[in-house]
C-alpha atoms as a PDB file:
ATOM      1  CA  MET A   1     -17.247 -25.728   4.905  1.00  0.00           C
ATOM      2  CA  ALA A   2     -18.932 -22.642   6.268  1.00  0.00           C
ATOM      3  CA  ALA A   3     -18.445 -18.943   5.816  1.00  0.00           C
ATOM      4  CA  VAL A   4     -18.793 -16.455   8.603  1.00  0.00           C
ATOM      5  CA  GLN A   5     -18.711 -12.748   8.063  1.00  0.00           C
ATOM      6  CA  GLU A   6     -18.276  -9.382   9.574  1.00  0.00           C
ATOM      7  CA  ASN A   7     -19.203  -6.007   8.209  1.00  0.00           C
ATOM      8  CA  ASP A   8     -19.037  -5.884   4.445  1.00  0.00           C
ATOM      9  CA  ASP A   9     -20.140  -9.073   2.751  1.00  0.00           C
ATOM     10  CA  ASP A  10     -21.984 -12.256   3.492  1.00  0.00           C
ATOM     11  CA  GLY A  11     -22.370 -13.597  -0.003  1.00  0.00           C
ATOM     12  CA  GLY A  12     -26.097 -12.863  -0.010  1.00  0.00           C
ATOM     13  CA  THR A  13     -28.255 -10.622  -2.155  1.00  0.00           C
ATOM     14  CA  ARG A  14     -26.584  -7.358  -2.973  1.00  0.00           C
ATOM     15  CA  PRO A  15     -28.510  -4.252  -1.928  1.00  0.00           C
ATOM     16  CA  GLY A  16     -28.513  -1.182  -4.114  1.00  0.00           C
ATOM     17  CA  ALA A  17     -25.243   0.714  -3.827  1.00  0.00           C
ATOM     18  CA  SER A  18     -25.185   4.424  -3.239  1.00  0.00           C
ATOM     19  CA  ALA A  19     -22.845   6.737  -5.105  1.00  0.00           C
ATOM     20  CA  PRO A  20     -19.294   7.096  -3.754  1.00  0.00           C
ATOM     21  CA  PRO A  21     -19.034   9.766  -1.078  1.00  0.00           C
ATOM     22  CA  GLY A  22     -18.329  13.320  -2.103  1.00  0.00           C
ATOM     23  CA  ALA A  23     -16.265  15.882  -0.272  1.00  0.00           C
ATOM     24  CA  GLY A  24     -19.064  16.431   2.231  1.00  0.00           C
ATOM     25  CA  PRO A  25     -18.969  18.508   5.403  1.00  0.00           C
ATOM     26  CA  LEU A  26     -16.230  18.370   8.002  1.00  0.00           C
ATOM     27  CA  ALA A  27     -16.711  17.849  11.718  1.00  0.00           C
ATOM     28  CA  GLY A  28     -15.898  20.383  14.429  1.00  0.00           C
ATOM     29  CA  ALA A  29     -13.943  20.134  17.659  1.00  0.00           C
ATOM     30  CA  GLY A  30     -11.292  17.564  18.544  1.00  0.00           C
ATOM     31  CA  PRO A  31      -7.768  16.564  17.516  1.00  0.00           C
ATOM     32  CA  LEU A  32      -9.065  15.233  14.185  1.00  0.00           C
ATOM     33  CA  ALA A  33     -11.254  18.253  13.460  1.00  0.00           C
ATOM     34  CA  GLY A  34     -11.243  19.017   9.739  1.00  0.00           C
ATOM     35  CA  ARG A  35     -10.205  15.466   8.841  1.00  0.00           C
ATOM     36  CA  ARG A  36     -12.303  13.205   6.653  1.00  0.00           C
ATOM     37  CA  ALA A  37     -12.225   9.460   7.358  1.00  0.00           C
ATOM     38  CA  ILE A  38     -13.476   6.463   5.376  1.00  0.00           C
ATOM     39  CA  VAL A  39     -14.070   3.213   7.293  1.00  0.00           C
ATOM     40  CA  THR A  40     -14.950   0.016   5.420  1.00  0.00           C
ATOM     41  CA  GLY A  41     -17.078  -2.583   7.127  1.00  0.00           C
ATOM     42  CA  GLY A  42     -18.156   0.290   9.313  1.00  0.00           C
ATOM     43  CA  ALA A  43     -21.651  -0.782  10.333  1.00  0.00           C
ATOM     44  CA  SER A  44     -20.668  -3.270  13.051  1.00  0.00           C
ATOM     45  CA  GLY A  45     -17.858  -4.797  15.070  1.00  0.00           C
ATOM     46  CA  ILE A  46     -14.392  -3.281  14.828  1.00  0.00           C
ATOM     47  CA  GLY A  47     -15.499  -0.963  12.030  1.00  0.00           C
ATOM     48  CA  ALA A  48     -18.301   0.569  14.084  1.00  0.00           C
ATOM     49  CA  ALA A  49     -15.947   1.073  17.015  1.00  0.00           C
ATOM     50  CA  CYS A  50     -13.496   2.851  14.689  1.00  0.00           C
ATOM     51  CA  VAL A  51     -16.266   5.060  13.318  1.00  0.00           C
ATOM     52  CA  ARG A  52     -17.236   6.136  16.835  1.00  0.00           C
ATOM     53  CA  GLU A  53     -13.626   6.701  17.907  1.00  0.00           C
ATOM     54  CA  LEU A  54     -12.708   8.829  14.910  1.00  0.00           C
ATOM     55  CA  ALA A  55     -15.928  10.819  15.150  1.00  0.00           C
ATOM     56  CA  ALA A  56     -15.351  11.398  18.867  1.00  0.00           C
ATOM     57  CA  GLN A  57     -11.981  12.906  17.950  1.00  0.00           C
ATOM     58  CA  GLY A  58     -13.657  15.323  15.536  1.00  0.00           C
ATOM     59  CA  ALA A  59     -13.356  13.604  12.164  1.00  0.00           C
ATOM     60  CA  PHE A  60     -16.185  13.495   9.642  1.00  0.00           C
ATOM     61  CA  VAL A  61     -16.642   9.766   8.988  1.00  0.00           C
ATOM     62  CA  VAL A  62     -17.972   7.962   5.920  1.00  0.00           C
ATOM     63  CA  VAL A  63     -19.426   4.599   6.965  1.00  0.00           C
ATOM     64  CA  VAL A  64     -18.874   2.064   4.178  1.00  0.00           C
ATOM     65  CA  ASP A  65     -20.897  -1.159   4.291  1.00  0.00           C
ATOM     66  CA  ARG A  66     -23.271  -3.391   2.375  1.00  0.00           C
ATOM     67  CA  ASP A  67     -25.668  -3.020   5.272  1.00  0.00           C
ATOM     68  CA  ALA A  68     -27.129   0.313   4.238  1.00  0.00           C
ATOM     69  CA  GLU A  69     -29.607   0.373   7.100  1.00  0.00           C
ATOM     70  CA  GLY A  70     -27.024  -0.394   9.791  1.00  0.00           C
ATOM     71  CA  ALA A  71     -24.563   2.060   8.274  1.00  0.00           C
ATOM     72  CA  GLY A  72     -27.273   4.701   8.166  1.00  0.00           C
ATOM     73  CA  VAL A  73     -28.110   4.313  11.843  1.00  0.00           C
ATOM     74  CA  LEU A  74     -24.460   4.687  12.810  1.00  0.00           C
ATOM     75  CA  ALA A  75     -23.827   7.577  10.428  1.00  0.00           C
ATOM     76  CA  LYS A  76     -26.763   9.420  11.919  1.00  0.00           C
ATOM     77  CA  GLU A  77     -25.391   8.779  15.414  1.00  0.00           C
ATOM     78  CA  VAL A  78     -22.032  10.365  14.565  1.00  0.00           C
ATOM     79  CA  ASP A  79     -23.270  12.967  12.051  1.00  0.00           C
ATOM     80  CA  GLY A  80     -21.424  11.165   9.282  1.00  0.00           C
ATOM     81  CA  GLU A  81     -22.218   9.866   5.808  1.00  0.00           C
ATOM     82  CA  VAL A  82     -23.152   6.481   4.344  1.00  0.00           C
ATOM     83  CA  TRP A  83     -21.588   4.797   1.347  1.00  0.00           C
ATOM     84  CA  ALA A  84     -23.666   1.654   0.758  1.00  0.00           C
ATOM     85  CA  VAL A  85     -21.644  -0.522  -1.599  1.00  0.00           C
ATOM     86  CA  ASP A  86     -20.766  -4.124  -2.320  1.00  0.00           C
ATOM     87  CA  LEU A  87     -16.977  -3.908  -2.315  1.00  0.00           C
ATOM     88  CA  LEU A  88     -16.736  -7.251  -4.097  1.00  0.00           C
ATOM     89  CA  GLU A  89     -17.949  -5.431  -7.216  1.00  0.00           C
ATOM     90  CA  THR A  90     -14.389  -4.236  -7.790  1.00  0.00           C
ATOM     91  CA  GLY A  91     -15.075  -2.865 -11.258  1.00  0.00           C
ATOM     92  CA  GLU A  92     -16.951  -0.019  -9.567  1.00  0.00           C
ATOM     93  CA  LEU A  93     -13.820   0.887  -7.583  1.00  0.00           C
ATOM     94  CA  GLU A  94     -11.211   0.952 -10.318  1.00  0.00           C
ATOM     95  CA  ASP A  95     -11.778   4.518 -11.513  1.00  0.00           C
ATOM     96  CA  LEU A  96     -12.720   6.157  -8.215  1.00  0.00           C
ATOM     97  CA  ALA A  97     -11.122   9.327  -6.937  1.00  0.00           C
ATOM     98  CA  LEU A  98     -11.941   9.786  -3.251  1.00  0.00           C
ATOM     99  CA  GLU A  99     -11.248  12.695  -0.935  1.00  0.00           C
ATOM    100  CA  ALA A 100     -10.050  11.438   2.439  1.00  0.00           C
ATOM    101  CA  ASP A 101      -7.443  12.154   5.083  1.00  0.00           C
ATOM    102  CA  ILE A 102      -7.870   8.794   6.821  1.00  0.00           C
ATOM    103  CA  LEU A 103      -8.638   5.405   5.271  1.00  0.00           C
ATOM    104  CA  VAL A 104      -9.415   2.452   7.528  1.00  0.00           C
ATOM    105  CA  ASN A 105      -9.458  -0.831   5.582  1.00  0.00           C
ATOM    106  CA  ASN A 106     -11.451  -3.075   7.878  1.00  0.00           C
ATOM    107  CA  ALA A 107     -14.032  -5.110   5.925  1.00  0.00           C
ATOM    108  CA  GLY A 108     -13.425  -8.831   6.205  1.00  0.00           C
ATOM    109  CA  ILE A 109     -14.916 -12.306   5.923  1.00  0.00           C
ATOM    110  CA  GLN A 110     -13.795 -15.758   7.010  1.00  0.00           C
ATOM    111  CA  VAL A 111     -14.109 -19.304   5.711  1.00  0.00           C
ATOM    112  CA  LEU A 112     -12.780 -22.333   7.590  1.00  0.00           C
ATOM    113  CA  SER A 113     -11.805 -25.414   5.617  1.00  0.00           C
ATOM    114  CA  PRO A 114      -8.811 -27.710   5.013  1.00  0.00           C
ATOM    115  CA  ILE A 115      -6.854 -26.671   1.926  1.00  0.00           C
ATOM    116  CA  GLU A 116      -7.802 -29.786  -0.026  1.00  0.00           C
ATOM    117  CA  GLU A 117     -11.488 -29.003   0.514  1.00  0.00           C
ATOM    118  CA  PHE A 118     -11.275 -25.209   0.189  1.00  0.00           C
ATOM    119  CA  ASP A 119     -13.661 -23.853  -2.426  1.00  0.00           C
ATOM    120  CA  PRO A 120     -11.585 -21.848  -4.942  1.00  0.00           C
ATOM    121  CA  ALA A 121     -14.439 -19.353  -5.253  1.00  0.00           C
ATOM    122  CA  ASP A 122     -14.275 -18.658  -1.518  1.00  0.00           C
ATOM    123  CA  PHE A 123     -10.493 -18.294  -1.715  1.00  0.00           C
ATOM    124  CA  ARG A 124     -10.804 -15.704  -4.484  1.00  0.00           C
ATOM    125  CA  ARG A 125     -13.639 -13.873  -2.718  1.00  0.00           C
ATOM    126  CA  ILE A 126     -11.610 -13.467   0.484  1.00  0.00           C
ATOM    127  CA  HIS A 127      -8.559 -12.245  -1.409  1.00  0.00           C
ATOM    128  CA  THR A 128     -10.682  -9.815  -3.388  1.00  0.00           C
ATOM    129  CA  LEU A 129     -12.296  -8.255  -0.321  1.00  0.00           C
ATOM    130  CA  MET A 130      -9.293  -8.291   1.997  1.00  0.00           C
ATOM    131  CA  LEU A 131      -6.392  -7.551  -0.380  1.00  0.00           C
ATOM    132  CA  GLU A 132      -7.552  -6.256  -3.757  1.00  0.00           C
ATOM    133  CA  VAL A 133     -10.153  -3.877  -2.297  1.00  0.00           C
ATOM    134  CA  PRO A 134      -7.669  -2.207   0.111  1.00  0.00           C
ATOM    135  CA  PHE A 135      -5.342  -1.710  -2.874  1.00  0.00           C
ATOM    136  CA  LEU A 136      -8.132  -0.137  -4.947  1.00  0.00           C
ATOM    137  CA  LEU A 137      -9.191   2.169  -2.119  1.00  0.00           C
ATOM    138  CA  MET A 138      -5.600   3.218  -1.437  1.00  0.00           C
ATOM    139  CA  ARG A 139      -5.289   3.963  -5.136  1.00  0.00           C
ATOM    140  CA  ALA A 140      -8.444   6.086  -4.932  1.00  0.00           C
ATOM    141  CA  VAL A 141      -7.455   8.174  -1.884  1.00  0.00           C
ATOM    142  CA  LEU A 142      -3.699   8.617  -2.286  1.00  0.00           C
ATOM    143  CA  PRO A 143      -3.840  11.450  -4.870  1.00  0.00           C
ATOM    144  CA  SER A 144      -5.920  13.600  -2.512  1.00  0.00           C
ATOM    145  CA  MET A 145      -3.654  12.736   0.413  1.00  0.00           C
ATOM    146  CA  TYR A 146      -0.562  13.598  -1.622  1.00  0.00           C
ATOM    147  CA  ARG A 147      -2.036  16.971  -2.602  1.00  0.00           C
ATOM    148  CA  LYS A 148      -2.700  17.816   1.052  1.00  0.00           C
ATOM    149  CA  LYS A 149       0.628  16.407   2.264  1.00  0.00           C
ATOM    150  CA  PHE A 150      -1.238  14.430   4.903  1.00  0.00           C
ATOM    151  CA  GLY A 151      -2.745  10.964   5.006  1.00  0.00           C
ATOM    152  CA  ARG A 152      -3.297   8.025   7.311  1.00  0.00           C
ATOM    153  CA  ILE A 153      -3.867   4.558   5.885  1.00  0.00           C
ATOM    154  CA  ILE A 154      -4.755   2.123   8.648  1.00  0.00           C
ATOM    155  CA  ASN A 155      -5.225  -1.516   7.721  1.00  0.00           C
ATOM    156  CA  VAL A 156      -7.070  -3.709  10.186  1.00  0.00           C
ATOM    157  CA  SER A 157      -4.991  -6.835   9.746  1.00  0.00           C
ATOM    158  CA  SER A 158      -4.848  -9.627  12.318  1.00  0.00           C
ATOM    159  CA  VAL A 159      -2.502 -11.772  14.337  1.00  0.00           C
ATOM    160  CA  HIS A 160      -3.018 -13.992  11.284  1.00  0.00           C
ATOM    161  CA  GLY A 161      -1.095 -11.416   9.291  1.00  0.00           C
ATOM    162  CA  LEU A 162       1.871 -12.420  11.473  1.00  0.00           C
ATOM    163  CA  ARG A 163       1.109 -16.047  12.314  1.00  0.00           C
ATOM    164  CA  ALA A 164      -0.731 -18.906  10.618  1.00  0.00           C
ATOM    165  CA  SER A 165      -3.530 -21.172  11.795  1.00  0.00           C
ATOM    166  CA  ALA A 166      -4.865 -24.341  10.235  1.00  0.00           C
ATOM    167  CA  PHE A 167      -8.020 -24.254   8.094  1.00  0.00           C
ATOM    168  CA  LYS A 168      -7.611 -20.531   7.241  1.00  0.00           C
ATOM    169  CA  ALA A 169      -5.610 -20.653   4.010  1.00  0.00           C
ATOM    170  CA  ALA A 170      -7.413 -17.751   2.347  1.00  0.00           C
ATOM    171  CA  TYR A 171      -7.671 -15.498   5.412  1.00  0.00           C
ATOM    172  CA  VAL A 172      -4.050 -15.978   6.496  1.00  0.00           C
ATOM    173  CA  SER A 173      -2.626 -15.471   3.009  1.00  0.00           C
ATOM    174  CA  ALA A 174      -4.813 -12.402   2.401  1.00  0.00           C
ATOM    175  CA  LYS A 175      -3.727 -10.822   5.684  1.00  0.00           C
ATOM    176  CA  HIS A 176      -0.066 -11.566   4.943  1.00  0.00           C
ATOM    177  CA  GLY A 177      -0.554  -9.874   1.584  1.00  0.00           C
ATOM    178  CA  LEU A 178      -2.163  -6.879   3.271  1.00  0.00           C
ATOM    179  CA  GLU A 179       0.905  -6.548   5.486  1.00  0.00           C
ATOM    180  CA  GLY A 180       3.115  -6.300   2.415  1.00  0.00           C
ATOM    181  CA  LEU A 181       0.796  -3.868   0.649  1.00  0.00           C
ATOM    182  CA  SER A 182       0.770  -1.653   3.736  1.00  0.00           C
ATOM    183  CA  LYS A 183       4.569  -1.517   3.804  1.00  0.00           C
ATOM    184  CA  VAL A 184       4.751  -0.574   0.119  1.00  0.00           C
ATOM    185  CA  ALA A 185       2.248   2.236   0.742  1.00  0.00           C
ATOM    186  CA  ALA A 186       4.400   3.401   3.652  1.00  0.00           C
ATOM    187  CA  LEU A 187       7.493   3.630   1.463  1.00  0.00           C
ATOM    188  CA  GLU A 188       5.702   5.417  -1.359  1.00  0.00           C
ATOM    189  CA  GLY A 189       3.679   7.706   0.894  1.00  0.00           C
ATOM    190  CA  GLY A 190       6.418   8.805   3.255  1.00  0.00           C
ATOM    191  CA  PRO A 191       7.727  11.686   1.123  1.00  0.00           C
ATOM    192  CA  HIS A 192       4.150  12.991   0.837  1.00  0.00           C
ATOM    193  CA  GLY A 193       3.240  13.005   4.537  1.00  0.00           C
ATOM    194  CA  VAL A 194       1.214   9.795   4.250  1.00  0.00           C
ATOM    195  CA  THR A 195       1.653   6.936   6.712  1.00  0.00           C
ATOM    196  CA  SER A 196       0.477   3.338   6.346  1.00  0.00           C
ATOM    197  CA  ASN A 197       0.267   0.857   9.199  1.00  0.00           C
ATOM    198  CA  CYS A 198      -1.403  -2.384  10.223  1.00  0.00           C
ATOM    199  CA  VAL A 199      -3.264  -3.145  13.426  1.00  0.00           C
ATOM    200  CA  ASN A 200      -3.041  -6.827  14.346  1.00  0.00           C
ATOM    201  CA  PRO A 201      -5.595  -7.922  16.920  1.00  0.00           C
ATOM    202  CA  GLY A 202      -6.133 -11.441  18.129  1.00  0.00           C
ATOM    203  CA  TYR A 203      -9.685 -12.671  18.466  1.00  0.00           C
ATOM    204  CA  VAL A 204     -11.987  -9.671  18.935  1.00  0.00           C
ATOM    205  CA  ARG A 205     -15.449  -9.787  20.461  1.00  0.00           C
ATOM    206  CA  THR A 206     -17.350  -9.308  17.179  1.00  0.00           C
ATOM    207  CA  PRO A 207     -20.000 -11.189  15.164  1.00  0.00           C
ATOM    208  CA  LEU A 208     -17.170 -12.635  13.050  1.00  0.00           C
ATOM    209  CA  VAL A 209     -15.568 -14.330  16.055  1.00  0.00           C
ATOM    210  CA  GLU A 210     -18.837 -15.348  17.653  1.00  0.00           C
ATOM    211  CA  ASN A 211     -19.804 -17.102  14.434  1.00  0.00           C
ATOM    212  CA  GLN A 212     -16.413 -18.796  14.255  1.00  0.00           C
ATOM    213  CA  VAL A 213     -16.973 -20.570  17.568  1.00  0.00           C
ATOM    214  CA  ALA A 214     -19.527 -22.949  16.075  1.00  0.00           C
ATOM    215  CA  ASP A 215     -17.390 -23.390  12.941  1.00  0.00           C
ATOM    216  CA  GLN A 216     -14.281 -24.228  14.971  1.00  0.00           C
ATOM    217  CA  ALA A 217     -16.251 -26.678  17.099  1.00  0.00           C
ATOM    218  CA  ARG A 218     -17.403 -28.492  13.967  1.00  0.00           C
ATOM    219  CA  VAL A 219     -13.962 -28.619  12.322  1.00  0.00           C
ATOM    220  CA  HIS A 220     -12.150 -29.786  15.465  1.00  0.00           C
ATOM    221  CA  GLY A 221     -14.892 -32.061  16.784  1.00  0.00           C
ATOM    222  CA  ILE A 222     -15.220 -30.378  20.174  1.00  0.00           C
ATOM    223  CA  SER A 223     -17.959 -28.527  22.017  1.00  0.00           C
ATOM    224  CA  GLU A 224     -18.438 -24.808  21.510  1.00  0.00           C
ATOM    225  CA  GLY A 225     -17.619 -24.269  25.180  1.00  0.00           C
ATOM    226  CA  GLU A 226     -14.125 -25.661  24.615  1.00  0.00           C
ATOM    227  CA  VAL A 227     -13.309 -23.533  21.560  1.00  0.00           C
ATOM    228  CA  LEU A 228     -12.135 -20.368  23.353  1.00  0.00           C
ATOM    229  CA  GLU A 229      -9.952 -22.155  25.885  1.00  0.00           C
ATOM    230  CA  ARG A 230      -8.500 -24.889  23.689  1.00  0.00           C
ATOM    231  CA  ILE A 231      -8.237 -23.152  20.302  1.00  0.00           C
ATOM    232  CA  MET A 232      -8.838 -19.422  20.104  1.00  0.00           C
ATOM    233  CA  LEU A 233      -6.918 -18.342  23.206  1.00  0.00           C
ATOM    234  CA  THR A 234      -4.466 -21.190  23.633  1.00  0.00           C
ATOM    235  CA  GLU A 235      -1.545 -19.106  22.285  1.00  0.00           C
ATOM    236  CA  SER A 236      -2.432 -15.914  24.179  1.00  0.00           C
ATOM    237  CA  ALA A 237      -0.837 -14.984  27.490  1.00  0.00           C
ATOM    238  CA  VAL A 238      -3.891 -12.833  28.279  1.00  0.00           C
ATOM    239  CA  LYS A 239      -6.866 -15.174  28.244  1.00  0.00           C
ATOM    240  CA  ARG A 240      -9.658 -12.961  26.996  1.00  0.00           C
ATOM    241  CA  LEU A 241     -11.052 -11.592  23.762  1.00  0.00           C
ATOM    242  CA  VAL A 242      -9.942  -8.175  22.537  1.00  0.00           C
ATOM    243  CA  GLU A 243     -12.680  -5.548  22.767  1.00  0.00           C
ATOM    244  CA  PRO A 244     -13.527  -3.585  19.584  1.00  0.00           C
ATOM    245  CA  SER A 245     -13.001  -0.327  21.488  1.00  0.00           C
ATOM    246  CA  GLU A 246      -9.404  -1.352  22.231  1.00  0.00           C
ATOM    247  CA  VAL A 247      -8.674  -1.808  18.524  1.00  0.00           C
ATOM    248  CA  ALA A 248     -10.395   1.492  17.764  1.00  0.00           C
ATOM    249  CA  SER A 249      -8.288   3.339  20.327  1.00  0.00           C
ATOM    250  CA  LEU A 250      -5.116   2.272  18.497  1.00  0.00           C
ATOM    251  CA  VAL A 251      -6.650   3.225  15.150  1.00  0.00           C
ATOM    252  CA  GLY A 252      -7.485   6.647  16.589  1.00  0.00           C
ATOM    253  CA  TRP A 253      -3.906   7.203  17.683  1.00  0.00           C
ATOM    254  CA  LEU A 254      -2.473   6.075  14.339  1.00  0.00           C
ATOM    255  CA  ALA A 255      -4.760   8.635  12.673  1.00  0.00           C
ATOM    256  CA  SER A 256      -3.377  11.468  14.786  1.00  0.00           C
ATOM    257  CA  GLU A 257      -0.685  14.058  14.169  1.00  0.00           C
ATOM    258  CA  GLN A 258       1.358  12.454  16.955  1.00  0.00           C
ATOM    259  CA  ALA A 259       1.780   9.287  14.874  1.00  0.00           C
ATOM    260  CA  GLY A 260       3.434  11.070  11.971  1.00  0.00           C
ATOM    261  CA  MET A 261       6.711   9.147  12.354  1.00  0.00           C
ATOM    262  CA  VAL A 262       4.974   5.777  12.663  1.00  0.00           C
ATOM    263  CA  THR A 263       4.741   4.067   9.307  1.00  0.00           C
ATOM    264  CA  GLY A 264       5.310   0.646   7.804  1.00  0.00           C
ATOM    265  CA  ALA A 265       4.607  -0.897  11.203  1.00  0.00           C
ATOM    266  CA  SER A 266       2.388  -3.731  12.426  1.00  0.00           C
ATOM    267  CA  TYR A 267       0.923  -3.276  15.895  1.00  0.00           C
ATOM    268  CA  ALA A 268       0.107  -6.555  17.627  1.00  0.00           C
ATOM    269  CA  MET A 269      -2.849  -6.459  20.012  1.00  0.00           C
ATOM    270  CA  ASP A 270      -3.071 -10.176  20.582  1.00  0.00           C
ATOM    271  CA  GLY A 271      -2.522 -10.789  24.292  1.00  0.00           C
ATOM    272  CA  GLY A 272       1.021 -12.036  23.642  1.00  0.00           C
ATOM    273  CA  TRP A 273       0.140 -14.591  20.932  1.00  0.00           C
ATOM    274  CA  SER A 274       2.799 -13.335  18.481  1.00  0.00           C
ATOM    275  CA  ALA A 275       5.430 -13.145  21.243  1.00  0.00           C
ATOM    276  CA  ARG A 276       5.820 -16.933  21.052  1.00  0.00           C
END
């Protein structure tokens, strides 16, 4: 059994967490000017692409990650703010009140193992980070969104929120749970001008996927060179990885005024995988 990670947690030593972000300054020009965004797992991969996209559209972005150094470099690049935090320490999130117009729940980890060999601690850790944490952050931002009569909750789900794959019991079930949570938030938030949607990419060119190649090769007993063709992309009509910038472009649109009537939806970006 092996864990691979992207963005928020790798099960290693926890760095010192900074205080939760305050109201902070707001960015200038662009369609999202005056909006404040929070992106979890924001230091790399999909999260970093979302940070850059939202900042390019004028939002002030809080980069949330355990990797304080990486988050700091990116925050400096986009004139944003860092919130260095271990999101698995959920007790620190239960009483938060956060000011935000846009929340992107992106942080995620992966463990591959047959169910009968799956470590219960890994199962709980994945569900904590990828289902409980989005709930706690929604709970923290919704009062401010309701007061302003505007909010965008964007959950980076996965094709595995719509379809299952072997050896991913925790990841698949957590993403399916996130889909349901997102729909509940859509129903509750609608009267207050708050939307909630999921983005469902297939395999994205990120450290998480690159690390999975070796894991998949081990589990299936094949070479790493065969993993993309025979496993990762076998269900996709378009035989390539999704680029992080493509996911971020959809996130940017869902954050916009133009997406005000889009809520409770799940947007597949999987090369046709879920069309089967």
